[in-house]
Each structure stands twice: as C-alpha cells, then as structure tokens.
PDB file of N, CA and C in Angstrom:
ATOM      1  N   MET A   1     -76.967 -32.718  21.763  1.00  0.00           N
ATOM      2  CA  MET A   1     -76.202 -33.032  22.403  1.00  0.00           C
ATOM      3  C   MET A   1     -75.643 -33.013  23.332  1.00  0.00           C
ATOM      4  N   ASP A   2     -75.196 -33.090  25.434  1.00  0.00           N
ATOM      5  CA  ASP A   2     -74.500 -32.277  26.149  1.00  0.00           C
ATOM      6  C   ASP A   2     -72.990 -32.292  25.815  1.00  0.00           C
ATOM      7  N   ARG A   3     -72.568 -31.749  26.431  1.00  0.00           N
ATOM      8  CA  ARG A   3     -72.000 -31.168  25.999  1.00  0.00           C
ATOM      9  C   ARG A   3     -71.082 -32.050  26.783  1.00  0.00           C
ATOM     10  N   ILE A   4     -71.009 -32.906  28.950  1.00  0.00           N
ATOM     11  CA  ILE A   4     -70.385 -33.641  28.826  1.00  0.00           C
ATOM     12  C   ILE A   4     -71.705 -35.037  29.217  1.00  0.00           C
ATOM     13  N   ALA A   5     -71.099 -36.179  29.251  1.00  0.00           N
ATOM     14  CA  ALA A   5     -72.517 -36.974  29.216  1.00  0.00           C
ATOM     15  C   ALA A   5     -71.310 -38.632  30.030  1.00  0.00           C
ATOM     16  N   ILE A   6     -72.081 -38.656  31.154  1.00  0.00           N
ATOM     17  CA  ILE A   6     -71.694 -39.490  32.337  1.00  0.00           C
ATOM     18  C   ILE A   6     -72.154 -41.342  31.827  1.00  0.00           C
ATOM     19  N   THR A   7     -72.084 -42.047  31.587  1.00  0.00           N
ATOM     20  CA  THR A   7     -72.269 -43.219  31.328  1.00  0.00           C
ATOM     21  C   THR A   7     -71.719 -44.052  31.975  1.00  0.00           C
ATOM     22  N   HIS A   8     -72.638 -44.998  32.600  1.00  0.00           N
ATOM     23  CA  HIS A   8     -71.887 -45.935  33.321  1.00  0.00           C
ATOM     24  C   HIS A   8     -72.359 -47.795  32.271  1.00  0.00           C
ATOM     25  N   VAL A   9     -70.994 -48.742  32.384  1.00  0.00           N
ATOM     26  CA  VAL A   9     -71.126 -49.350  31.952  1.00  0.00           C
ATOM     27  C   VAL A   9     -70.378 -50.766  32.520  1.00  0.00           C
ATOM     28  N   PRO A  10     -72.242 -51.391  33.664  1.00  0.00           N
ATOM     29  CA  PRO A  10     -71.577 -51.945  35.071  1.00  0.00           C
ATOM     30  C   PRO A  10     -70.934 -52.773  34.411  1.00  0.00           C
ATOM     31  N   GLU A  11     -71.280 -53.951  33.645  1.00  0.00           N
ATOM     32  CA  GLU A  11     -71.151 -54.907  32.666  1.00  0.00           C
ATOM     33  C   GLU A  11     -69.317 -55.422  32.314  1.00  0.00           C
ATOM     34  N   GLN A  12     -69.027 -53.570  32.428  1.00  0.00           N
ATOM     35  CA  GLN A  12     -67.106 -53.227  32.609  1.00  0.00           C
ATOM     36  C   GLN A  12     -66.636 -52.108  34.130  1.00  0.00           C
ATOM     37  N   GLN A  13     -67.168 -52.716  34.381  1.00  0.00           N
ATOM     38  CA  GLN A  13     -66.944 -52.374  35.794  1.00  0.00           C
ATOM     39  C   GLN A  13     -66.686 -50.963  36.280  1.00  0.00           C
ATOM     40  N   ARG A  14     -66.730 -50.026  35.014  1.00  0.00           N
ATOM     41  CA  ARG A  14     -66.520 -48.250  34.971  1.00  0.00           C
ATOM     42  C   ARG A  14     -67.829 -47.981  34.827  1.00  0.00           C
ATOM     43  N   VAL A  15     -66.749 -45.994  34.910  1.00  0.00           N
ATOM     44  CA  VAL A  15     -68.265 -44.720  33.882  1.00  0.00           C
ATOM     45  C   VAL A  15     -67.617 -44.485  33.699  1.00  0.00           C
ATOM     46  N   ASP A  16     -67.976 -43.847  32.003  1.00  0.00           N
ATOM     47  CA  ASP A  16     -67.440 -42.961  31.272  1.00  0.00           C
ATOM     48  C   ASP A  16     -67.353 -41.968  31.152  1.00  0.00           C
ATOM     49  N   VAL A  17     -66.776 -40.921  31.128  1.00  0.00           N
ATOM     50  CA  VAL A  17     -66.863 -39.696  30.483  1.00  0.00           C
ATOM     51  C   VAL A  17     -66.936 -38.981  29.840  1.00  0.00           C
ATOM     52  N   THR A  18     -67.678 -38.122  28.787  1.00  0.00           N
ATOM     53  CA  THR A  18     -66.843 -37.484  28.015  1.00  0.00           C
ATOM     54  C   THR A  18     -67.949 -36.516  27.226  1.00  0.00           C
ATOM     55  N   VAL A  19     -66.862 -35.645  26.734  1.00  0.00           N
ATOM     56  CA  VAL A  19     -67.250 -34.309  26.140  1.00  0.00           C
ATOM     57  C   VAL A  19     -67.246 -33.750  24.563  1.00  0.00           C
ATOM     58  N   ASP A  20     -68.286 -33.332  24.850  1.00  0.00           N
ATOM     59  CA  ASP A  20     -68.422 -33.718  23.142  1.00  0.00           C
ATOM     60  C   ASP A  20     -68.377 -34.280  21.943  1.00  0.00           C
ATOM     61  N   GLY A  21     -68.681 -35.214  22.656  1.00  0.00           N
ATOM     62  CA  GLY A  21     -68.622 -37.123  22.099  1.00  0.00           C
ATOM     63  C   GLY A  21     -67.313 -37.453  22.490  1.00  0.00           C
ATOM     64  N   GLU A  22     -65.987 -36.953  23.192  1.00  0.00           N
ATOM     65  CA  GLU A  22     -64.761 -37.942  22.667  1.00  0.00           C
ATOM     66  C   GLU A  22     -65.012 -38.014  24.103  1.00  0.00           C
ATOM     67  N   ALA A  23     -64.005 -39.224  24.682  1.00  0.00           N
ATOM     68  CA  ALA A  23     -63.627 -39.770  25.230  1.00  0.00           C
ATOM     69  C   ALA A  23     -63.174 -38.413  26.009  1.00  0.00           C
ATOM     70  N   PHE A  24     -63.287 -38.326  27.286  1.00  0.00           N
ATOM     71  CA  PHE A  24     -62.248 -37.348  28.128  1.00  0.00           C
ATOM     72  C   PHE A  24     -61.049 -38.543  29.101  1.00  0.00           C
ATOM     73  N   THR A  25     -62.648 -39.906  30.234  1.00  0.00           N
ATOM     74  CA  THR A  25     -62.138 -40.833  30.397  1.00  0.00           C
ATOM     75  C   THR A  25     -62.754 -41.838  31.573  1.00  0.00           C
ATOM     76  N   SER A  26     -62.503 -42.960  32.670  1.00  0.00           N
ATOM     77  CA  SER A  26     -63.126 -43.597  32.298  1.00  0.00           C
ATOM     78  C   SER A  26     -63.093 -43.761  34.033  1.00  0.00           C
ATOM     79  N   TYR A  27     -64.098 -44.072  35.119  1.00  0.00           N
ATOM     80  CA  TYR A  27     -63.940 -43.516  35.877  1.00  0.00           C
ATOM     81  C   TYR A  27     -63.479 -45.845  36.325  1.00  0.00           C
ATOM     82  N   ILE A  28     -62.642 -46.168  36.727  1.00  0.00           N
ATOM     83  CA  ILE A  28     -62.891 -47.826  36.755  1.00  0.00           C
ATOM     84  C   ILE A  28     -63.557 -48.401  37.803  1.00  0.00           C
ATOM     85  N   HIS A  29     -63.412 -49.417  37.885  1.00  0.00           N
ATOM     86  CA  HIS A  29     -63.140 -49.470  39.278  1.00  0.00           C
ATOM     87  C   HIS A  29     -62.914 -51.764  39.438  1.00  0.00           C
ATOM     88  N   PRO A  30     -62.463 -52.556  38.840  1.00  0.00           N
ATOM     89  CA  PRO A  30     -62.097 -53.451  38.276  1.00  0.00           C
ATOM     90  C   PRO A  30     -61.817 -53.981  39.916  1.00  0.00           C
ATOM     91  N   ASP A  31     -62.440 -55.308  40.691  1.00  0.00           N
ATOM     92  CA  ASP A  31     -62.068 -56.250  41.574  1.00  0.00           C
ATOM     93  C   ASP A  31     -60.127 -55.993  41.373  1.00  0.00           C
ATOM     94  N   SER A  32     -59.481 -56.280  40.264  1.00  0.00           N
ATOM     95  CA  SER A  32     -58.140 -56.559  40.145  1.00  0.00           C
ATOM     96  C   SER A  32     -57.709 -55.202  40.067  1.00  0.00           C
ATOM     97  N   ILE A  33     -57.272 -54.085  40.121  1.00  0.00           N
ATOM     98  CA  ILE A  33     -56.785 -53.903  41.434  1.00  0.00           C
ATOM     99  C   ILE A  33     -57.809 -53.468  42.876  1.00  0.00           C
ATOM    100  N   HIS A  34     -56.634 -52.358  43.514  1.00  0.00           N
ATOM    101  CA  HIS A  34     -56.678 -52.134  45.328  1.00  0.00           C
ATOM    102  C   HIS A  34     -57.242 -50.917  45.242  1.00  0.00           C
ATOM    103  N   LYS A  35     -58.332 -49.978  44.208  1.00  0.00           N
ATOM    104  CA  LYS A  35     -58.744 -48.895  43.975  1.00  0.00           C
ATOM    105  C   LYS A  35     -59.329 -47.928  43.390  1.00  0.00           C
ATOM    106  N   PRO A  36     -60.182 -47.560  42.395  1.00  0.00           N
ATOM    107  CA  PRO A  36     -60.447 -47.247  41.721  1.00  0.00           C
ATOM    108  C   PRO A  36     -60.295 -45.944  41.477  1.00  0.00           C
ATOM    109  N   ALA A  37     -60.363 -45.703  39.380  1.00  0.00           N
ATOM    110  CA  ALA A  37     -58.675 -44.948  38.775  1.00  0.00           C
ATOM    111  C   ALA A  37     -59.419 -44.614  38.087  1.00  0.00           C
ATOM    112  N   LEU A  38     -59.396 -42.842  37.482  1.00  0.00           N
ATOM    113  CA  LEU A  38     -59.557 -42.846  36.331  1.00  0.00           C
ATOM    114  C   LEU A  38     -58.385 -43.536  35.618  1.00  0.00           C
ATOM    115  N   PHE A  39     -59.245 -43.040  34.180  1.00  0.00           N
ATOM    116  CA  PHE A  39     -58.333 -44.442  32.785  1.00  0.00           C
ATOM    117  C   PHE A  39     -58.550 -44.688  32.227  1.00  0.00           C
ATOM    118  N   PRO A  40     -57.782 -43.897  30.925  1.00  0.00           N
ATOM    119  CA  PRO A  40     -57.126 -43.519  30.636  1.00  0.00           C
ATOM    120  C   PRO A  40     -57.680 -42.441  30.858  1.00  0.00           C
ATOM    121  N   LEU A  41     -56.943 -41.032  30.989  1.00  0.00           N
ATOM    122  CA  LEU A  41     -56.884 -39.610  31.694  1.00  0.00           C
ATOM    123  C   LEU A  41     -56.133 -38.110  29.688  1.00  0.00           C
ATOM    124  N   ARG A  42     -57.429 -38.076  30.100  1.00  0.00           N
ATOM    125  CA  ARG A  42     -57.038 -36.829  28.426  1.00  0.00           C
ATOM    126  C   ARG A  42     -56.426 -35.896  28.255  1.00  0.00           C
ATOM    127  N   THR A  43     -56.360 -34.949  27.757  1.00  0.00           N
ATOM    128  CA  THR A  43     -56.053 -33.843  27.842  1.00  0.00           C
ATOM    129  C   THR A  43     -57.721 -33.015  27.229  1.00  0.00           C
ATOM    130  N   ALA A  44     -57.856 -31.784  26.796  1.00  0.00           N
ATOM    131  CA  ALA A  44     -58.773 -30.809  25.826  1.00  0.00           C
ATOM    132  C   ALA A  44     -58.832 -31.541  24.408  1.00  0.00           C
ATOM    133  N   ARG A  45     -57.253 -31.895  24.608  1.00  0.00           N
ATOM    134  CA  ARG A  45     -57.493 -32.213  23.167  1.00  0.00           C
ATOM    135  C   ARG A  45     -56.864 -33.580  22.799  1.00  0.00           C
ATOM    136  N   GLY A  46     -57.301 -34.507  23.641  1.00  0.00           N
ATOM    137  CA  GLY A  46     -56.835 -36.214  22.786  1.00  0.00           C
ATOM    138  C   GLY A  46     -55.550 -36.774  24.027  1.00  0.00           C
ATOM    139  N   THR A  47     -54.578 -36.128  23.904  1.00  0.00           N
ATOM    140  CA  THR A  47     -53.070 -36.788  24.008  1.00  0.00           C
ATOM    141  C   THR A  47     -53.462 -37.410  25.842  1.00  0.00           C
ATOM    142  N   ILE A  48     -53.992 -38.646  26.059  1.00  0.00           N
ATOM    143  CA  ILE A  48     -53.526 -39.777  26.673  1.00  0.00           C
ATOM    144  C   ILE A  48     -51.947 -39.490  28.256  1.00  0.00           C
ATOM    145  N   VAL A  49     -52.711 -38.889  28.847  1.00  0.00           N
ATOM    146  CA  VAL A  49     -51.549 -38.835  29.753  1.00  0.00           C
ATOM    147  C   VAL A  49     -51.195 -38.943  31.134  1.00  0.00           C
ATOM    148  N   THR A  50     -51.956 -39.559  31.197  1.00  0.00           N
ATOM    149  CA  THR A  50     -51.798 -41.465  32.363  1.00  0.00           C
ATOM    150  C   THR A  50     -50.950 -42.351  30.868  1.00  0.00           C
ATOM    151  N   ARG A  51     -50.001 -42.913  32.633  1.00  0.00           N
ATOM    152  CA  ARG A  51     -49.414 -43.858  31.308  1.00  0.00           C
ATOM    153  C   ARG A  51     -49.844 -44.828  31.418  1.00  0.00           C
ATOM    154  N   GLY A  52     -49.775 -45.971  30.448  1.00  0.00           N
ATOM    155  CA  GLY A  52     -50.959 -47.469  30.431  1.00  0.00           C
ATOM    156  C   GLY A  52     -50.363 -48.240  30.875  1.00  0.00           C
ATOM    157  N   PHE A  53     -48.834 -48.375  32.089  1.00  0.00           N
ATOM    158  CA  PHE A  53     -48.531 -49.436  32.759  1.00  0.00           C
ATOM    159  C   PHE A  53     -49.646 -49.768  34.210  1.00  0.00           C
ATOM    160  N   PRO A  54     -50.032 -50.558  34.573  1.00  0.00           N
ATOM    161  CA  PRO A  54     -49.809 -51.948  34.947  1.00  0.00           C
ATOM    162  C   PRO A  54     -51.061 -52.376  33.761  1.00  0.00           C
ATOM    163  N   LEU A  55     -51.911 -51.794  33.218  1.00  0.00           N
ATOM    164  CA  LEU A  55     -53.033 -51.817  33.081  1.00  0.00           C
ATOM    165  C   LEU A  55     -53.002 -52.222  31.693  1.00  0.00           C
ATOM    166  N   GLU A  56     -52.742 -51.482  30.509  1.00  0.00           N
ATOM    167  CA  GLU A  56     -52.611 -51.459  29.539  1.00  0.00           C
ATOM    168  C   GLU A  56     -50.934 -50.763  29.032  1.00  0.00           C
ATOM    169  N   PRO A  57     -50.201 -52.148  28.681  1.00  0.00           N
ATOM    170  CA  PRO A  57     -48.525 -51.219  28.793  1.00  0.00           C
ATOM    171  C   PRO A  57     -48.321 -50.903  27.514  1.00  0.00           C
ATOM    172  N   ARG A  58     -47.046 -49.875  27.169  1.00  0.00           N
ATOM    173  CA  ARG A  58     -46.959 -49.354  26.031  1.00  0.00           C
ATOM    174  C   ARG A  58     -45.833 -49.013  26.090  1.00  0.00           C
ATOM    175  N   PRO A  59     -45.375 -49.856  24.224  1.00  0.00           N
ATOM    176  CA  PRO A  59     -43.889 -50.004  24.659  1.00  0.00           C
ATOM    177  C   PRO A  59     -43.099 -49.065  24.980  1.00  0.00           C
ATOM    178  N   GLY A  60     -41.875 -49.246  25.255  1.00  0.00           N
ATOM    179  CA  GLY A  60     -40.656 -47.903  25.303  1.00  0.00           C
ATOM    180  C   GLY A  60     -41.329 -48.065  27.459  1.00  0.00           C
ATOM    181  N   GLU A  61     -42.818 -48.031  27.926  1.00  0.00           N
ATOM    182  CA  GLU A  61     -42.586 -47.306  29.055  1.00  0.00           C
ATOM    183  C   GLU A  61     -42.268 -48.351  30.415  1.00  0.00           C
ATOM    184  N   ARG A  62     -41.643 -47.529  31.043  1.00  0.00           N
ATOM    185  CA  ARG A  62     -41.301 -47.927  32.748  1.00  0.00           C
ATOM    186  C   ARG A  62     -42.546 -48.519  33.062  1.00  0.00           C
ATOM    187  N   VAL A  63     -42.082 -50.314  33.713  1.00  0.00           N
ATOM    188  CA  VAL A  63     -42.779 -51.018  34.267  1.00  0.00           C
ATOM    189  C   VAL A  63     -42.339 -51.266  35.987  1.00  0.00           C
ATOM    190  N   ASP A  64     -42.529 -49.770  36.464  1.00  0.00           N
ATOM    191  CA  ASP A  64     -42.884 -50.297  37.729  1.00  0.00           C
ATOM    192  C   ASP A  64     -43.647 -49.332  38.508  1.00  0.00           C
ATOM    193  N   HIS A  65     -43.844 -49.982  39.880  1.00  0.00           N
ATOM    194  CA  HIS A  65     -44.722 -49.032  40.251  1.00  0.00           C
ATOM    195  C   HIS A  65     -45.725 -49.587  40.512  1.00  0.00           C
ATOM    196  N   LEU A  66     -46.832 -50.511  40.344  1.00  0.00           N
ATOM    197  CA  LEU A  66     -47.990 -51.546  40.723  1.00  0.00           C
ATOM    198  C   LEU A  66     -49.263 -50.663  40.216  1.00  0.00           C
ATOM    199  N   HIS A  67     -48.441 -49.483  42.079  1.00  0.00           N
ATOM    200  CA  HIS A  67     -49.615 -48.841  41.980  1.00  0.00           C
ATOM    201  C   HIS A  67     -50.138 -48.184  41.097  1.00  0.00           C
ATOM    202  N   HIS A  68     -49.118 -47.770  40.822  1.00  0.00           N
ATOM    203  CA  HIS A  68     -50.046 -45.959  40.331  1.00  0.00           C
ATOM    204  C   HIS A  68     -50.506 -46.938  38.741  1.00  0.00           C
ATOM    205  N   VAL A  69     -51.649 -46.712  39.211  1.00  0.00           N
ATOM    206  CA  VAL A  69     -52.885 -46.394  38.188  1.00  0.00           C
ATOM    207  C   VAL A  69     -53.519 -45.976  38.230  1.00  0.00           C
ATOM    208  N   GLY A  70     -53.281 -45.529  37.106  1.00  0.00           N
ATOM    209  CA  GLY A  70     -54.433 -43.734  36.329  1.00  0.00           C
ATOM    210  C   GLY A  70     -54.013 -42.724  37.522  1.00  0.00           C
ATOM    211  N   PHE A  71     -54.465 -42.516  37.227  1.00  0.00           N
ATOM    212  CA  PHE A  71     -55.129 -40.940  38.090  1.00  0.00           C
ATOM    213  C   PHE A  71     -55.842 -41.939  39.484  1.00  0.00           C
ATOM    214  N   TRP A  72     -55.561 -41.616  40.607  1.00  0.00           N
ATOM    215  CA  TRP A  72     -56.029 -42.623  41.721  1.00  0.00           C
ATOM    216  C   TRP A  72     -55.508 -41.450  43.473  1.00  0.00           C
ATOM    217  N   PHE A  73     -57.065 -41.069  44.102  1.00  0.00           N
ATOM    218  CA  PHE A  73     -56.842 -40.373  45.546  1.00  0.00           C
ATOM    219  C   PHE A  73     -56.809 -42.311  46.572  1.00  0.00           C
ATOM    220  N   ASP A  74     -55.589 -41.619  46.439  1.00  0.00           N
ATOM    221  CA  ASP A  74     -54.843 -42.357  48.068  1.00  0.00           C
ATOM    222  C   ASP A  74     -54.951 -42.020  49.552  1.00  0.00           C
ATOM    223  N   TYR A  75     -54.627 -42.943  50.739  1.00  0.00           N
ATOM    224  CA  TYR A  75     -53.820 -42.197  51.809  1.00  0.00           C
ATOM    225  C   TYR A  75     -53.052 -42.788  52.075  1.00  0.00           C
ATOM    226  N   GLY A  76     -51.318 -42.436  52.423  1.00  0.00           N
ATOM    227  CA  GLY A  76     -50.750 -43.116  53.095  1.00  0.00           C
ATOM    228  C   GLY A  76     -50.818 -44.045  53.850  1.00  0.00           C
ATOM    229  N   ASP A  77     -51.583 -43.617  55.375  1.00  0.00           N
ATOM    230  CA  ASP A  77     -51.836 -44.668  56.337  1.00  0.00           C
ATOM    231  C   ASP A  77     -53.103 -43.691  56.607  1.00  0.00           C
ATOM    232  N   VAL A  78     -54.101 -44.963  57.390  1.00  0.00           N
ATOM    233  CA  VAL A  78     -55.550 -44.952  58.135  1.00  0.00           C
ATOM    234  C   VAL A  78     -54.674 -45.806  59.450  1.00  0.00           C
ATOM    235  N   ASN A  79     -54.737 -45.085  60.289  1.00  0.00           N
ATOM    236  CA  ASN A  79     -54.152 -46.267  61.400  1.00  0.00           C
ATOM    237  C   ASN A  79     -54.100 -47.010  61.175  1.00  0.00           C
ATOM    238  N   GLY A  80     -52.514 -46.869  60.828  1.00  0.00           N
ATOM    239  CA  GLY A  80     -51.347 -47.673  60.387  1.00  0.00           C
ATOM    240  C   GLY A  80     -51.426 -48.815  60.119  1.00  0.00           C
ATOM    241  N   VAL A  81     -52.725 -48.310  58.684  1.00  0.00           N
ATOM    242  CA  VAL A  81     -52.768 -49.440  58.063  1.00  0.00           C
ATOM    243  C   VAL A  81     -52.313 -48.776  55.976  1.00  0.00           C
ATOM    244  N   ALA A  82     -51.688 -49.448  54.984  1.00  0.00           N
ATOM    245  CA  ALA A  82     -51.237 -47.947  54.307  1.00  0.00           C
ATOM    246  C   ALA A  82     -51.894 -48.593  52.949  1.00  0.00           C
ATOM    247  N   PHE A  83     -52.076 -47.199  52.769  1.00  0.00           N
ATOM    248  CA  PHE A  83     -53.531 -47.827  51.794  1.00  0.00           C
ATOM    249  C   PHE A  83     -52.504 -47.228  49.842  1.00  0.00           C
ATOM    250  N   TRP A  84     -51.618 -46.830  50.103  1.00  0.00           N
ATOM    251  CA  TRP A  84     -50.629 -45.899  48.832  1.00  0.00           C
ATOM    252  C   TRP A  84     -50.143 -46.944  48.321  1.00  0.00           C
ATOM    253  N   GLY A  85     -49.105 -47.654  48.725  1.00  0.00           N
ATOM    254  CA  GLY A  85     -48.933 -48.548  47.956  1.00  0.00           C
ATOM    255  C   GLY A  85     -49.649 -49.661  47.845  1.00  0.00           C
ATOM    256  N   SER A  86     -50.983 -50.613  48.154  1.00  0.00           N
ATOM    257  CA  SER A  86     -51.183 -51.232  48.153  1.00  0.00           C
ATOM    258  C   SER A  86     -51.602 -51.784  46.541  1.00  0.00           C
ATOM    259  N   THR A  87     -51.212 -53.062  45.920  1.00  0.00           N
ATOM    260  CA  THR A  87     -51.543 -54.440  44.848  1.00  0.00           C
ATOM    261  C   THR A  87     -51.881 -55.401  44.605  1.00  0.00           C
ATOM    262  N   PRO A  88     -52.162 -55.720  44.050  1.00  0.00           N
ATOM    263  CA  PRO A  88     -52.672 -57.615  44.401  1.00  0.00           C
ATOM    264  C   PRO A  88     -51.292 -58.420  44.528  1.00  0.00           C
ATOM    265  N   ALA A  89     -49.705 -57.194  43.726  1.00  0.00           N
ATOM    266  CA  ALA A  89     -49.398 -57.980  43.773  1.00  0.00           C
ATOM    267  C   ALA A  89     -47.879 -57.796  45.678  1.00  0.00           C
ATOM    268  N   VAL A  90     -48.730 -57.760  46.198  1.00  0.00           N
ATOM    269  CA  VAL A  90     -47.852 -57.639  48.169  1.00  0.00           C
ATOM    270  C   VAL A  90     -47.390 -58.755  48.327  1.00  0.00           C
ATOM    271  N   PRO A  91     -46.755 -59.386  48.651  1.00  0.00           N
ATOM    272  CA  PRO A  91     -46.687 -60.051  49.033  1.00  0.00           C
ATOM    273  C   PRO A  91     -47.861 -61.443  50.204  1.00  0.00           C
ATOM    274  N   PRO A  92     -49.038 -62.170  50.001  1.00  0.00           N
ATOM    275  CA  PRO A  92     -50.171 -62.417  51.216  1.00  0.00           C
ATOM    276  C   PRO A  92     -49.187 -62.636  52.665  1.00  0.00           C
ATOM    277  N   ALA A  93     -48.360 -62.103  52.979  1.00  0.00           N
ATOM    278  CA  ALA A  93     -47.408 -62.128  53.781  1.00  0.00           C
ATOM    279  C   ALA A  93     -47.936 -61.151  54.725  1.00  0.00           C
ATOM    280  N   GLU A  94     -47.946 -59.805  53.865  1.00  0.00           N
ATOM    281  CA  GLU A  94     -47.330 -58.783  54.478  1.00  0.00           C
ATOM    282  C   GLU A  94     -48.938 -58.110  53.566  1.00  0.00           C
ATOM    283  N   ARG A  95     -50.111 -58.788  53.086  1.00  0.00           N
ATOM    284  CA  ARG A  95     -51.420 -57.987  52.704  1.00  0.00           C
ATOM    285  C   ARG A  95     -51.785 -57.300  54.086  1.00  0.00           C
ATOM    286  N   GLY A  96     -51.080 -58.306  55.648  1.00  0.00           N
ATOM    287  CA  GLY A  96     -52.296 -57.455  55.942  1.00  0.00           C
ATOM    288  C   GLY A  96     -51.962 -56.168  56.732  1.00  0.00           C
ATOM    289  N   ARG A  97     -50.869 -55.848  56.138  1.00  0.00           N
ATOM    290  CA  ARG A  97     -50.324 -53.451  56.448  1.00  0.00           C
ATOM    291  C   ARG A  97     -50.826 -53.250  55.814  1.00  0.00           C
ATOM    292  N   TYR A  98     -51.664 -53.582  54.329  1.00  0.00           N
ATOM    293  CA  TYR A  98     -52.137 -53.179  53.319  1.00  0.00           C
ATOM    294  C   TYR A  98     -54.067 -53.390  53.858  1.00  0.00           C
ATOM    295  N   GLY A  99     -54.227 -51.891  52.521  1.00  0.00           N
ATOM    296  CA  GLY A  99     -55.462 -51.914  52.638  1.00  0.00           C
ATOM    297  C   GLY A  99     -56.200 -51.735  51.582  1.00  0.00           C
ATOM    298  N   ILE A 100     -57.096 -52.379  50.841  1.00  0.00           N
ATOM    299  CA  ILE A 100     -57.452 -51.816  49.687  1.00  0.00           C
ATOM    300  C   ILE A 100     -59.087 -51.048  49.973  1.00  0.00           C
ATOM    301  N   ILE A 101     -59.788 -50.228  49.069  1.00  0.00           N
ATOM    302  CA  ILE A 101     -60.500 -49.367  48.970  1.00  0.00           C
ATOM    303  C   ILE A 101     -61.087 -49.318  47.727  1.00  0.00           C
ATOM    304  N   ARG A 102     -62.775 -50.339  47.978  1.00  0.00           N
ATOM    305  CA  ARG A 102     -63.598 -50.259  47.088  1.00  0.00           C
ATOM    306  C   ARG A 102     -64.339 -49.739  46.759  1.00  0.00           C
ATOM    307  N   HIS A 103     -65.035 -49.230  45.202  1.00  0.00           N
ATOM    308  CA  HIS A 103     -65.843 -48.613  45.640  1.00  0.00           C
ATOM    309  C   HIS A 103     -66.711 -49.226  45.513  1.00  0.00           C
ATOM    310  N   ARG A 104     -69.023 -49.421  45.653  1.00  0.00           N
ATOM    311  CA  ARG A 104     -69.393 -49.311  46.443  1.00  0.00           C
ATOM    312  C   ARG A 104     -71.321 -49.651  45.008  1.00  0.00           C
ATOM    313  N   GLY A 105     -70.869 -48.622  44.565  1.00  0.00           N
ATOM    314  CA  GLY A 105     -71.826 -47.830  43.600  1.00  0.00           C
ATOM    315  C   GLY A 105     -72.620 -47.054  42.943  1.00  0.00           C
ATOM    316  N   VAL A 106     -72.602 -46.544  42.167  1.00  0.00           N
ATOM    317  CA  VAL A 106     -73.256 -45.509  41.371  1.00  0.00           C
ATOM    318  C   VAL A 106     -74.749 -45.360  42.172  1.00  0.00           C
ATOM    319  N   ASN A 107     -74.902 -43.653  42.073  1.00  0.00           N
ATOM    320  CA  ASN A 107     -76.021 -43.753  41.617  1.00  0.00           C
ATOM    321  C   ASN A 107     -75.632 -42.649  40.781  1.00  0.00           C
ATOM    322  N   ARG A 108     -76.971 -41.885  40.883  1.00  0.00           N
ATOM    323  CA  ARG A 108     -77.413 -41.322  39.933  1.00  0.00           C
ATOM    324  C   ARG A 108     -78.364 -40.517  40.605  1.00  0.00           C
TER     325      ARG A 108
END
C-alpha cells in the first residue's frame, strides 16, 4: 500500500488525502464557498486542527468569520479587489469589491 494516497471524488467536489490509510485532509472546492480549502485538516495522530464552522459547526464553537473555511490560501487585495473576506454572506451591493477563487480542474 502507498503511504500517501490521493483520491479525486468529483461528485463531491473534493480530493481526499490519506496517509497510511488514515484520513489526513480533503481539498474541497464546492460552489458554496468562495475559495478552495483543505478541510478538515488533521495531525499525524488524527486530531482535527481546523474548526468546523461554517461547514460542520461543533457545539461550543465560535460562529464568526464566515470566510475562515478550513485551511485556505488567499490574497487581501489584488488590484482593488478583496479576496480575504469573500463569503456568500457579503451583501449583494458590496459583492463587486470581493473576489472569488474558483477551482478549475484536477490534473493527474
């Protein structure tokens, strides 16, 4: 068995990563979020280090910062367009100021 396995799951808009057969993370890119992310992200012992909100809220967890979805890569300002805080919750009148990062495909 390969130590690291990467499995594309197109019908769920994600790529799963396992290490020694154990879940490590998934690269997710559903249309419902404004940027791809790694979610959930686990340590070598399996402890989840990303919060659940807003995708899978957990009891007692803070429910702020809708744009903090898993572990993601972003830019605060690109030519006057803000990518950092972009979420579906941004009021329609303000959406022109925010950018969206879209997944375009998986290459093997």
